[in-house]
Amino acid sequence: MRARMAIRVSNIEVELREVDLKHKPAAMLQASPKATVPILVCPDKVIAESLDIMLWALQQSDPHDWLKKDYLDEALSLIKYNDNLFKIHLDHYKYADRFPQKPQNEYREKGEVFLQQLEVKLNLHNFILCAEPCLADIAVLPFIRQFAYVDIKWFEASPYIKLKQWLQHWLESKLFKSIMTKHPVWQDNQQALIL
């Protein structure tokens, strides 16, 4: 999701190959033995991490200045926390039945520490680090969306007013809607879609 948003905003044309992870095509396995998505196959390298794909795309073309130099270090630090510690709490909360050591609400409370940090930041301006969107907004968006939808009624009743507004802004944006279009599953030897 975040890689697609960065590619879309950078106006870079890529071939899209939607895959069924239960039936991974041979071409995918050849491109990246890691066999996870997303994978970006470039003429000179393969990029197999969504954040790295975002950075690659925005380094090619960044028309909205998402790589704001004044905020890039802070953005990368926040994303690191999101991708590591918050992701663990999200997974435990979302799949609590797989982690019966604690009740689901305890996993949610651990994840809420990050929600609280974002709420404080969003009380200062409309986006996470400044008045305009930057890399941090797009990079954490899919994770916050997942967290919210584990129990949407709880999230809607939660005290995170600014975070709820921020999430709604992105979910209603043309950019987000444009990358959520469903595509047919790609098969080996089939022509790919151009994005």
N, C-alpha and C. Protein backbone atom coordinates (compact mmCIF):
# COMPACT_ATOMS: atom_id res chain seq x y z
N MET A 1 0.82 -1.19 0.00
CA MET A 1 0.00 0.00 0.00
C MET A 1 0.87 1.26 0.00
N ARG A 2 1.83 1.34 0.93
CA ARG A 2 2.66 2.54 1.00
C ARG A 2 3.61 2.62 -0.17
N ALA A 3 4.10 1.49 -0.65
CA ALA A 3 4.97 1.49 -1.83
C ALA A 3 4.18 1.96 -3.05
N ARG A 4 2.97 1.48 -3.19
CA ARG A 4 2.14 1.89 -4.34
C ARG A 4 1.83 3.39 -4.28
N MET A 5 1.59 3.90 -3.08
CA MET A 5 1.29 5.33 -2.97
C MET A 5 2.50 6.16 -3.38
N ALA A 6 3.69 5.75 -2.96
CA ALA A 6 4.89 6.50 -3.33
C ALA A 6 5.16 6.42 -4.83
N ILE A 7 4.97 5.25 -5.40
CA ILE A 7 5.16 5.10 -6.85
C ILE A 7 4.14 5.95 -7.60
N ARG A 8 2.90 5.92 -7.14
CA ARG A 8 1.84 6.69 -7.82
C ARG A 8 2.14 8.18 -7.77
N VAL A 9 2.52 8.69 -6.60
CA VAL A 9 2.75 10.13 -6.46
C VAL A 9 4.01 10.56 -7.21
N SER A 10 4.96 9.64 -7.39
CA SER A 10 6.20 9.99 -8.10
C SER A 10 6.02 9.97 -9.61
N ASN A 11 4.87 9.47 -10.07
CA ASN A 11 4.55 9.40 -11.50
C ASN A 11 5.53 8.52 -12.28
N ILE A 12 6.06 7.51 -11.61
CA ILE A 12 6.94 6.56 -12.28
C ILE A 12 6.08 5.43 -12.84
N GLU A 13 6.31 5.09 -14.09
CA GLU A 13 5.56 4.00 -14.70
C GLU A 13 6.22 2.67 -14.35
N VAL A 14 5.44 1.77 -13.80
CA VAL A 14 5.93 0.43 -13.47
C VAL A 14 4.92 -0.60 -13.96
N GLU A 15 5.39 -1.81 -14.15
CA GLU A 15 4.49 -2.93 -14.43
C GLU A 15 3.99 -3.48 -13.11
N LEU A 16 2.69 -3.69 -13.02
CA LEU A 16 2.10 -4.25 -11.80
C LEU A 16 1.78 -5.71 -12.04
N ARG A 17 2.25 -6.54 -11.15
CA ARG A 17 1.93 -7.97 -11.20
C ARG A 17 1.32 -8.35 -9.86
N GLU A 18 0.01 -8.37 -9.83
CA GLU A 18 -0.73 -8.75 -8.63
C GLU A 18 -0.58 -10.26 -8.44
N VAL A 19 -0.13 -10.69 -7.27
CA VAL A 19 0.10 -12.12 -7.07
C VAL A 19 -0.76 -12.68 -5.95
N ASP A 20 -1.05 -13.97 -6.06
CA ASP A 20 -1.73 -14.72 -5.02
C ASP A 20 -0.63 -15.36 -4.19
N LEU A 21 -0.49 -14.94 -2.94
CA LEU A 21 0.61 -15.42 -2.11
C LEU A 21 0.49 -16.90 -1.75
N LYS A 22 -0.69 -17.47 -1.97
CA LYS A 22 -0.84 -18.91 -1.75
C LYS A 22 -0.33 -19.71 -2.96
N HIS A 23 -0.20 -19.03 -4.09
CA HIS A 23 0.28 -19.66 -5.33
C HIS A 23 1.29 -18.70 -5.98
N LYS A 24 2.45 -18.60 -5.37
CA LYS A 24 3.45 -17.64 -5.82
C LYS A 24 4.01 -18.05 -7.18
N PRO A 25 3.98 -17.13 -8.15
CA PRO A 25 4.51 -17.46 -9.47
C PRO A 25 6.03 -17.67 -9.44
N ALA A 26 6.51 -18.49 -10.36
CA ALA A 26 7.95 -18.79 -10.43
C ALA A 26 8.76 -17.51 -10.62
N ALA A 27 8.25 -16.58 -11.42
CA ALA A 27 8.98 -15.33 -11.67
C ALA A 27 9.19 -14.54 -10.38
N MET A 28 8.22 -14.59 -9.50
CA MET A 28 8.35 -13.90 -8.21
C MET A 28 9.44 -14.56 -7.36
N LEU A 29 9.43 -15.86 -7.32
CA LEU A 29 10.41 -16.60 -6.53
C LEU A 29 11.82 -16.42 -7.08
N GLN A 30 11.92 -16.29 -8.40
CA GLN A 30 13.23 -16.04 -9.01
C GLN A 30 13.72 -14.63 -8.68
N ALA A 31 12.80 -13.68 -8.70
CA ALA A 31 13.18 -12.29 -8.45
C ALA A 31 13.63 -12.09 -7.01
N SER A 32 12.95 -12.75 -6.08
CA SER A 32 13.27 -12.57 -4.66
C SER A 32 12.99 -13.86 -3.90
N PRO A 33 14.02 -14.56 -3.49
CA PRO A 33 13.83 -15.77 -2.70
C PRO A 33 13.05 -15.52 -1.41
N LYS A 34 13.07 -14.28 -0.94
CA LYS A 34 12.33 -13.93 0.27
C LYS A 34 10.83 -14.18 0.06
N ALA A 35 10.39 -13.99 -1.19
CA ALA A 35 9.03 -14.31 -1.62
C ALA A 35 7.93 -13.59 -0.85
N THR A 36 8.19 -12.35 -0.47
CA THR A 36 7.16 -11.52 0.15
C THR A 36 6.89 -10.35 -0.77
N VAL A 37 5.77 -9.70 -0.56
CA VAL A 37 5.45 -8.51 -1.34
C VAL A 37 5.55 -7.29 -0.45
N PRO A 38 5.85 -6.13 -1.04
CA PRO A 38 6.09 -5.91 -2.47
C PRO A 38 7.52 -6.24 -2.87
N ILE A 39 7.68 -6.43 -4.16
CA ILE A 39 9.00 -6.60 -4.77
C ILE A 39 9.03 -5.65 -5.96
N LEU A 40 10.09 -4.89 -6.07
CA LEU A 40 10.29 -4.03 -7.23
C LEU A 40 11.53 -4.53 -7.97
N VAL A 41 11.33 -4.96 -9.20
CA VAL A 41 12.44 -5.45 -10.01
C VAL A 41 12.88 -4.33 -10.94
N CYS A 42 14.10 -3.83 -10.70
CA CYS A 42 14.70 -2.77 -11.52
C CYS A 42 15.73 -3.42 -12.44
N PRO A 43 16.15 -2.72 -13.48
CA PRO A 43 17.17 -3.30 -14.37
C PRO A 43 18.46 -3.68 -13.65
N ASP A 44 18.81 -2.94 -12.60
CA ASP A 44 20.10 -3.17 -11.94
C ASP A 44 20.00 -3.76 -10.54
N LYS A 45 18.77 -3.92 -10.00
CA LYS A 45 18.62 -4.45 -8.63
C LYS A 45 17.19 -4.86 -8.37
N VAL A 46 17.01 -5.59 -7.29
CA VAL A 46 15.68 -5.98 -6.81
C VAL A 46 15.51 -5.36 -5.43
N ILE A 47 14.39 -4.68 -5.23
CA ILE A 47 14.09 -4.05 -3.94
C ILE A 47 12.91 -4.80 -3.33
N ALA A 48 13.11 -5.35 -2.15
CA ALA A 48 12.10 -6.23 -1.57
C ALA A 48 11.54 -5.74 -0.23
N GLU A 49 11.69 -4.47 0.05
CA GLU A 49 11.10 -3.89 1.26
C GLU A 49 10.29 -2.66 0.86
N SER A 50 9.09 -2.53 1.41
CA SER A 50 8.21 -1.44 1.00
C SER A 50 8.81 -0.06 1.27
N LEU A 51 9.47 0.12 2.41
CA LEU A 51 10.08 1.42 2.70
C LEU A 51 11.18 1.73 1.69
N ASP A 52 11.97 0.74 1.34
CA ASP A 52 13.04 0.95 0.35
C ASP A 52 12.47 1.29 -1.02
N ILE A 53 11.32 0.69 -1.35
CA ILE A 53 10.65 1.03 -2.62
C ILE A 53 10.16 2.47 -2.57
N MET A 54 9.60 2.87 -1.44
CA MET A 54 9.15 4.26 -1.29
C MET A 54 10.32 5.23 -1.50
N LEU A 55 11.43 4.95 -0.83
CA LEU A 55 12.60 5.83 -0.94
C LEU A 55 13.14 5.86 -2.37
N TRP A 56 13.19 4.69 -3.01
CA TRP A 56 13.65 4.62 -4.40
C TRP A 56 12.77 5.49 -5.30
N ALA A 57 11.45 5.34 -5.18
CA ALA A 57 10.52 6.09 -6.04
C ALA A 57 10.65 7.59 -5.80
N LEU A 58 10.68 7.98 -4.53
CA LEU A 58 10.71 9.41 -4.21
C LEU A 58 12.07 10.05 -4.52
N GLN A 59 13.12 9.25 -4.53
CA GLN A 59 14.42 9.77 -4.94
C GLN A 59 14.47 10.00 -6.46
N GLN A 60 13.61 9.29 -7.20
CA GLN A 60 13.51 9.51 -8.64
C GLN A 60 12.71 10.78 -8.94
N SER A 61 11.60 10.91 -8.21
CA SER A 61 10.69 12.04 -8.42
C SER A 61 9.86 12.24 -7.16
N ASP A 62 9.92 13.43 -6.61
CA ASP A 62 9.24 13.75 -5.35
C ASP A 62 8.47 15.07 -5.50
N PRO A 63 7.42 15.05 -6.34
CA PRO A 63 6.74 16.31 -6.66
C PRO A 63 6.07 17.01 -5.48
N HIS A 64 5.77 16.28 -4.41
CA HIS A 64 5.12 16.88 -3.24
C HIS A 64 6.08 17.02 -2.05
N ASP A 65 7.36 16.81 -2.31
CA ASP A 65 8.40 16.95 -1.29
C ASP A 65 8.10 16.11 -0.04
N TRP A 66 7.79 14.84 -0.25
CA TRP A 66 7.57 13.94 0.88
C TRP A 66 8.87 13.64 1.60
N LEU A 67 10.01 13.77 0.93
CA LEU A 67 11.31 13.53 1.57
C LEU A 67 11.86 14.83 2.15
N LYS A 68 11.03 15.56 2.81
CA LYS A 68 11.43 16.85 3.36
C LYS A 68 12.73 16.72 4.16
N LYS A 69 13.76 17.39 3.70
CA LYS A 69 15.09 17.23 4.31
C LYS A 69 15.09 17.62 5.78
N ASP A 70 14.34 18.64 6.14
CA ASP A 70 14.33 19.09 7.54
C ASP A 70 13.69 18.07 8.48
N TYR A 71 12.90 17.16 7.93
CA TYR A 71 12.17 16.20 8.75
C TYR A 71 12.54 14.75 8.47
N LEU A 72 13.46 14.51 7.52
CA LEU A 72 13.71 13.15 7.07
C LEU A 72 14.25 12.26 8.19
N ASP A 73 15.19 12.73 8.98
CA ASP A 73 15.73 11.90 10.07
C ASP A 73 14.64 11.54 11.07
N GLU A 74 13.83 12.51 11.42
CA GLU A 74 12.73 12.26 12.36
C GLU A 74 11.72 11.29 11.75
N ALA A 75 11.44 11.46 10.46
CA ALA A 75 10.51 10.56 9.77
C ALA A 75 11.04 9.13 9.79
N LEU A 76 12.31 8.95 9.47
CA LEU A 76 12.89 7.61 9.42
C LEU A 76 12.91 6.97 10.81
N SER A 77 13.14 7.76 11.84
CA SER A 77 13.12 7.25 13.21
C SER A 77 11.72 6.79 13.60
N LEU A 78 10.73 7.59 13.28
CA LEU A 78 9.35 7.25 13.57
C LEU A 78 8.92 6.00 12.80
N ILE A 79 9.33 5.91 11.54
CA ILE A 79 9.01 4.75 10.70
C ILE A 79 9.67 3.49 11.25
N LYS A 80 10.89 3.62 11.73
CA LYS A 80 11.58 2.47 12.33
C LYS A 80 10.80 1.94 13.53
N TYR A 81 10.33 2.83 14.38
CA TYR A 81 9.51 2.42 15.52
C TYR A 81 8.24 1.74 15.04
N ASN A 82 7.58 2.34 14.04
CA ASN A 82 6.36 1.78 13.47
C ASN A 82 6.59 0.38 12.91
N ASP A 83 7.63 0.24 12.11
CA ASP A 83 7.88 -1.01 11.39
C ASP A 83 8.37 -2.13 12.31
N ASN A 84 8.87 -1.78 13.46
CA ASN A 84 9.40 -2.78 14.37
C ASN A 84 8.48 -2.97 15.58
N LEU A 85 8.58 -2.12 16.56
CA LEU A 85 7.84 -2.33 17.80
C LEU A 85 6.32 -2.23 17.61
N PHE A 86 5.84 -1.18 16.93
CA PHE A 86 4.40 -1.04 16.76
C PHE A 86 3.83 -2.20 15.95
N LYS A 87 4.55 -2.64 14.94
CA LYS A 87 4.09 -3.76 14.11
C LYS A 87 3.92 -5.03 14.94
N ILE A 88 4.81 -5.25 15.89
CA ILE A 88 4.67 -6.41 16.78
C ILE A 88 3.38 -6.31 17.59
N HIS A 89 3.12 -5.13 18.17
CA HIS A 89 1.91 -4.94 18.96
C HIS A 89 0.66 -5.06 18.08
N LEU A 90 0.74 -4.52 16.87
CA LEU A 90 -0.38 -4.62 15.92
C LEU A 90 -0.68 -6.09 15.61
N ASP A 91 0.34 -6.86 15.30
CA ASP A 91 0.14 -8.27 14.96
C ASP A 91 -0.44 -9.05 16.14
N HIS A 92 0.05 -8.76 17.36
CA HIS A 92 -0.48 -9.44 18.54
C HIS A 92 -1.95 -9.06 18.77
N TYR A 93 -2.26 -7.80 18.55
CA TYR A 93 -3.63 -7.31 18.74
C TYR A 93 -4.54 -7.88 17.66
N LYS A 94 -4.10 -7.83 16.42
CA LYS A 94 -4.92 -8.27 15.29
C LYS A 94 -5.13 -9.78 15.31
N TYR A 95 -4.11 -10.50 15.69
CA TYR A 95 -4.17 -11.97 15.71
C TYR A 95 -4.05 -12.50 17.14
N ALA A 96 -4.81 -11.91 18.04
CA ALA A 96 -4.69 -12.23 19.46
C ALA A 96 -4.93 -13.72 19.74
N ASP A 97 -5.72 -14.38 18.92
CA ASP A 97 -5.97 -15.81 19.13
C ASP A 97 -4.70 -16.64 18.94
N ARG A 98 -3.73 -16.11 18.21
CA ARG A 98 -2.45 -16.80 18.02
C ARG A 98 -1.49 -16.54 19.18
N PHE A 99 -1.82 -15.55 20.01
CA PHE A 99 -0.96 -15.15 21.12
C PHE A 99 -1.78 -15.15 22.42
N PRO A 100 -2.20 -16.33 22.86
CA PRO A 100 -3.12 -16.39 24.01
C PRO A 100 -2.48 -16.09 25.36
N GLN A 101 -1.19 -15.74 25.36
CA GLN A 101 -0.51 -15.44 26.62
C GLN A 101 -1.14 -14.25 27.34
N LYS A 102 -1.73 -13.32 26.56
CA LYS A 102 -2.34 -12.13 27.16
C LYS A 102 -3.68 -11.87 26.48
N PRO A 103 -4.57 -11.17 27.16
CA PRO A 103 -5.84 -10.80 26.51
C PRO A 103 -5.61 -9.74 25.42
N GLN A 104 -6.50 -9.73 24.45
CA GLN A 104 -6.36 -8.83 23.31
C GLN A 104 -6.23 -7.37 23.72
N ASN A 105 -6.99 -6.95 24.73
CA ASN A 105 -6.94 -5.54 25.12
C ASN A 105 -5.56 -5.12 25.64
N GLU A 106 -4.80 -6.07 26.20
CA GLU A 106 -3.43 -5.74 26.64
C GLU A 106 -2.53 -5.47 25.44
N TYR A 107 -2.70 -6.23 24.39
CA TYR A 107 -1.94 -5.98 23.17
C TYR A 107 -2.33 -4.64 22.56
N ARG A 108 -3.63 -4.34 22.61
CA ARG A 108 -4.10 -3.05 22.10
C ARG A 108 -3.49 -1.90 22.89
N GLU A 109 -3.45 -2.03 24.20
CA GLU A 109 -2.89 -0.97 25.05
C GLU A 109 -1.42 -0.72 24.73
N LYS A 110 -0.68 -1.78 24.44
CA LYS A 110 0.73 -1.59 24.05
C LYS A 110 0.83 -0.83 22.73
N GLY A 111 -0.04 -1.14 21.79
CA GLY A 111 -0.06 -0.42 20.52
C GLY A 111 -0.50 1.02 20.68
N GLU A 112 -1.35 1.26 21.66
CA GLU A 112 -1.85 2.62 21.88
C GLU A 112 -0.76 3.61 22.26
N VAL A 113 0.35 3.13 22.76
CA VAL A 113 1.45 4.04 23.08
C VAL A 113 1.84 4.83 21.83
N PHE A 114 1.88 4.15 20.68
CA PHE A 114 2.21 4.82 19.42
C PHE A 114 1.07 5.74 18.98
N LEU A 115 -0.16 5.28 19.14
CA LEU A 115 -1.31 6.14 18.79
C LEU A 115 -1.27 7.43 19.59
N GLN A 116 -0.91 7.33 20.86
CA GLN A 116 -0.83 8.51 21.72
C GLN A 116 0.26 9.47 21.23
N GLN A 117 1.40 8.91 20.82
CA GLN A 117 2.48 9.75 20.29
C GLN A 117 2.04 10.48 19.03
N LEU A 118 1.33 9.76 18.15
CA LEU A 118 0.85 10.38 16.91
C LEU A 118 -0.19 11.45 17.21
N GLU A 119 -1.06 11.18 18.18
CA GLU A 119 -2.08 12.16 18.55
C GLU A 119 -1.44 13.46 19.01
N VAL A 120 -0.39 13.37 19.82
CA VAL A 120 0.32 14.56 20.29
C VAL A 120 0.88 15.33 19.10
N LYS A 121 1.50 14.63 18.17
CA LYS A 121 2.08 15.29 16.99
C LYS A 121 1.00 15.93 16.13
N LEU A 122 -0.13 15.24 15.98
CA LEU A 122 -1.21 15.76 15.13
C LEU A 122 -1.96 16.91 15.80
N ASN A 123 -1.78 17.10 17.07
CA ASN A 123 -2.35 18.28 17.73
C ASN A 123 -1.54 19.53 17.42
N LEU A 124 -0.33 19.35 16.89
CA LEU A 124 0.52 20.49 16.53
C LEU A 124 0.29 20.97 15.11
N HIS A 125 -0.09 20.03 14.22
CA HIS A 125 -0.34 20.36 12.81
C HIS A 125 -1.16 19.25 12.18
N ASN A 126 -1.60 19.45 10.95
CA ASN A 126 -2.52 18.51 10.30
C ASN A 126 -1.89 17.17 9.93
N PHE A 127 -0.56 17.13 9.81
CA PHE A 127 0.11 15.90 9.44
C PHE A 127 1.13 15.56 10.53
N ILE A 128 1.72 14.39 10.45
CA ILE A 128 2.46 13.87 11.59
C ILE A 128 3.64 14.73 12.01
N LEU A 129 4.43 15.19 11.05
CA LEU A 129 5.62 15.95 11.44
C LEU A 129 5.57 17.43 11.12
N CYS A 130 4.67 17.83 10.26
CA CYS A 130 4.63 19.25 9.87
C CYS A 130 3.27 19.55 9.23
N ALA A 131 3.17 20.72 8.64
CA ALA A 131 1.90 21.17 8.08
C ALA A 131 1.52 20.48 6.78
N GLU A 132 2.47 19.81 6.15
CA GLU A 132 2.23 19.13 4.87
C GLU A 132 2.56 17.65 5.03
N PRO A 133 1.98 16.80 4.20
CA PRO A 133 2.32 15.37 4.27
C PRO A 133 3.79 15.12 3.98
N CYS A 134 4.34 14.11 4.61
CA CYS A 134 5.71 13.71 4.33
C CYS A 134 5.80 12.18 4.39
N LEU A 135 6.99 11.67 4.22
CA LEU A 135 7.23 10.24 4.18
C LEU A 135 6.60 9.52 5.38
N ALA A 136 6.69 10.11 6.55
CA ALA A 136 6.16 9.47 7.77
C ALA A 136 4.67 9.19 7.66
N ASP A 137 3.90 10.13 7.12
CA ASP A 137 2.45 9.95 7.00
C ASP A 137 2.13 8.72 6.18
N ILE A 138 2.75 8.63 5.01
CA ILE A 138 2.43 7.54 4.09
C ILE A 138 2.97 6.21 4.61
N ALA A 139 4.12 6.24 5.24
CA ALA A 139 4.74 4.99 5.71
C ALA A 139 3.98 4.35 6.85
N VAL A 140 3.37 5.15 7.73
CA VAL A 140 2.65 4.55 8.87
C VAL A 140 1.16 4.33 8.57
N LEU A 141 0.66 4.96 7.54
CA LEU A 141 -0.78 4.89 7.22
C LEU A 141 -1.33 3.46 7.18
N PRO A 142 -0.73 2.53 6.44
CA PRO A 142 -1.34 1.19 6.39
C PRO A 142 -1.41 0.49 7.74
N PHE A 143 -0.45 0.77 8.61
CA PHE A 143 -0.41 0.13 9.92
C PHE A 143 -1.48 0.71 10.85
N ILE A 144 -1.65 2.02 10.80
CA ILE A 144 -2.69 2.66 11.61
C ILE A 144 -4.07 2.22 11.12
N ARG A 145 -4.22 2.12 9.81
CA ARG A 145 -5.48 1.64 9.24
C ARG A 145 -5.79 0.23 9.74
N GLN A 146 -4.79 -0.66 9.71
CA GLN A 146 -5.00 -2.02 10.21
C GLN A 146 -5.39 -2.02 11.68
N PHE A 147 -4.67 -1.23 12.47
CA PHE A 147 -4.95 -1.17 13.91
C PHE A 147 -6.38 -0.71 14.14
N ALA A 148 -6.80 0.32 13.42
CA ALA A 148 -8.16 0.86 13.58
C ALA A 148 -9.22 -0.19 13.26
N TYR A 149 -8.98 -0.97 12.21
CA TYR A 149 -10.00 -1.90 11.74
C TYR A 149 -10.01 -3.24 12.47
N VAL A 150 -9.10 -3.46 13.40
CA VAL A 150 -9.21 -4.66 14.24
C VAL A 150 -10.53 -4.59 15.01
N ASP A 151 -10.83 -3.40 15.52
CA ASP A 151 -12.09 -3.16 16.25
C ASP A 151 -12.49 -1.73 15.95
N ILE A 152 -13.14 -1.52 14.82
CA ILE A 152 -13.43 -0.16 14.35
C ILE A 152 -14.35 0.59 15.31
N LYS A 153 -15.25 -0.12 15.99
CA LYS A 153 -16.13 0.56 16.95
C LYS A 153 -15.31 1.12 18.11
N TRP A 154 -14.35 0.33 18.58
CA TRP A 154 -13.47 0.83 19.64
C TRP A 154 -12.70 2.05 19.15
N PHE A 155 -12.13 1.95 17.93
CA PHE A 155 -11.32 3.04 17.41
C PHE A 155 -12.15 4.32 17.25
N GLU A 156 -13.35 4.17 16.72
CA GLU A 156 -14.23 5.34 16.53
C GLU A 156 -14.59 5.99 17.86
N ALA A 157 -14.66 5.21 18.93
CA ALA A 157 -15.00 5.75 20.25
C ALA A 157 -13.76 6.18 21.04
N SER A 158 -12.59 5.94 20.47
CA SER A 158 -11.34 6.24 21.19
C SER A 158 -11.11 7.75 21.28
N PRO A 159 -10.22 8.18 22.17
CA PRO A 159 -9.97 9.61 22.35
C PRO A 159 -9.02 10.23 21.34
N TYR A 160 -8.63 9.48 20.31
CA TYR A 160 -7.63 9.95 19.35
C TYR A 160 -8.29 10.76 18.23
N ILE A 161 -8.78 11.93 18.60
CA ILE A 161 -9.58 12.76 17.68
C ILE A 161 -8.78 13.14 16.44
N LYS A 162 -7.59 13.68 16.63
CA LYS A 162 -6.77 14.13 15.50
C LYS A 162 -6.32 12.95 14.64
N LEU A 163 -5.99 11.85 15.28
CA LEU A 163 -5.56 10.66 14.54
C LEU A 163 -6.70 10.12 13.69
N LYS A 164 -7.90 10.13 14.22
CA LYS A 164 -9.07 9.68 13.45
C LYS A 164 -9.31 10.60 12.26
N GLN A 165 -9.15 11.90 12.45
CA GLN A 165 -9.32 12.85 11.34
C GLN A 165 -8.24 12.64 10.28
N TRP A 166 -7.02 12.43 10.74
CA TRP A 166 -5.89 12.19 9.84
C TRP A 166 -6.13 10.93 9.01
N LEU A 167 -6.54 9.85 9.67
CA LEU A 167 -6.80 8.60 8.96
C LEU A 167 -7.94 8.78 7.95
N GLN A 168 -9.00 9.43 8.36
CA GLN A 168 -10.13 9.65 7.45
C GLN A 168 -9.71 10.47 6.24
N HIS A 169 -8.87 11.47 6.47
CA HIS A 169 -8.36 12.29 5.35
C HIS A 169 -7.70 11.40 4.30
N TRP A 170 -6.83 10.50 4.76
CA TRP A 170 -6.11 9.64 3.80
C TRP A 170 -7.03 8.63 3.15
N LEU A 171 -7.94 8.04 3.92
CA LEU A 171 -8.84 7.02 3.35
C LEU A 171 -9.76 7.61 2.30
N GLU A 172 -10.07 8.90 2.42
CA GLU A 172 -10.95 9.56 1.44
C GLU A 172 -10.17 10.23 0.31
N SER A 173 -8.85 10.20 0.37
CA SER A 173 -8.05 10.88 -0.65
C SER A 173 -8.07 10.15 -1.99
N LYS A 174 -7.94 10.91 -3.07
CA LYS A 174 -7.87 10.32 -4.40
C LYS A 174 -6.68 9.39 -4.52
N LEU A 175 -5.58 9.78 -3.91
CA LEU A 175 -4.37 8.96 -3.97
C LEU A 175 -4.62 7.58 -3.37
N PHE A 176 -5.18 7.53 -2.18
CA PHE A 176 -5.44 6.25 -1.53
C PHE A 176 -6.42 5.42 -2.36
N LYS A 177 -7.49 6.03 -2.78
CA LYS A 177 -8.49 5.31 -3.57
C LYS A 177 -7.89 4.76 -4.86
N SER A 178 -6.96 5.51 -5.44
CA SER A 178 -6.37 5.08 -6.72
C SER A 178 -5.51 3.83 -6.59
N ILE A 179 -4.93 3.61 -5.42
CA ILE A 179 -4.06 2.44 -5.26
C ILE A 179 -4.83 1.25 -4.69
N MET A 180 -6.08 1.45 -4.32
CA MET A 180 -6.88 0.37 -3.76
C MET A 180 -7.71 -0.36 -4.82
N THR A 181 -7.54 0.01 -6.06
CA THR A 181 -8.24 -0.65 -7.15
C THR A 181 -7.82 -2.12 -7.19
N LYS A 182 -8.79 -3.01 -7.31
CA LYS A 182 -8.50 -4.44 -7.40
C LYS A 182 -8.03 -4.77 -8.82
N HIS A 183 -7.03 -5.62 -8.91
CA HIS A 183 -6.49 -6.05 -10.20
C HIS A 183 -6.53 -7.57 -10.27
N PRO A 184 -6.67 -8.11 -11.46
CA PRO A 184 -6.65 -9.57 -11.57
C PRO A 184 -5.28 -10.13 -11.20
N VAL A 185 -5.29 -11.34 -10.67
CA VAL A 185 -4.05 -12.00 -10.29
C VAL A 185 -3.24 -12.30 -11.55
N TRP A 186 -1.95 -11.93 -11.49
CA TRP A 186 -1.04 -12.15 -12.61
C TRP A 186 -0.54 -13.59 -12.62
N GLN A 187 -0.40 -14.14 -13.81
CA GLN A 187 0.14 -15.49 -13.98
C GLN A 187 1.43 -15.39 -14.77
N ASP A 188 2.34 -16.35 -14.54
CA ASP A 188 3.57 -16.39 -15.34
C ASP A 188 3.21 -16.35 -16.83
N ASN A 189 4.03 -15.67 -17.60
CA ASN A 189 3.86 -15.55 -19.06
C ASN A 189 2.64 -14.71 -19.44
N GLN A 190 2.10 -13.95 -18.52
CA GLN A 190 0.98 -13.07 -18.79
C GLN A 190 1.49 -11.63 -18.80
N GLN A 191 0.92 -10.81 -19.66
CA GLN A 191 1.33 -9.41 -19.72
C GLN A 191 0.92 -8.70 -18.43
N ALA A 192 1.80 -7.88 -17.91
CA ALA A 192 1.54 -7.13 -16.67
C ALA A 192 0.78 -5.86 -16.97
N LEU A 193 0.11 -5.32 -15.95
CA LEU A 193 -0.55 -4.03 -16.06
C LEU A 193 0.47 -2.92 -15.90
N ILE A 194 0.25 -1.79 -16.56
CA ILE A 194 1.13 -0.64 -16.42
C ILE A 194 0.46 0.34 -15.46
N LEU A 195 1.18 0.73 -14.46
CA LEU A 195 0.68 1.75 -13.51
C LEU A 195 1.29 3.09 -13.85
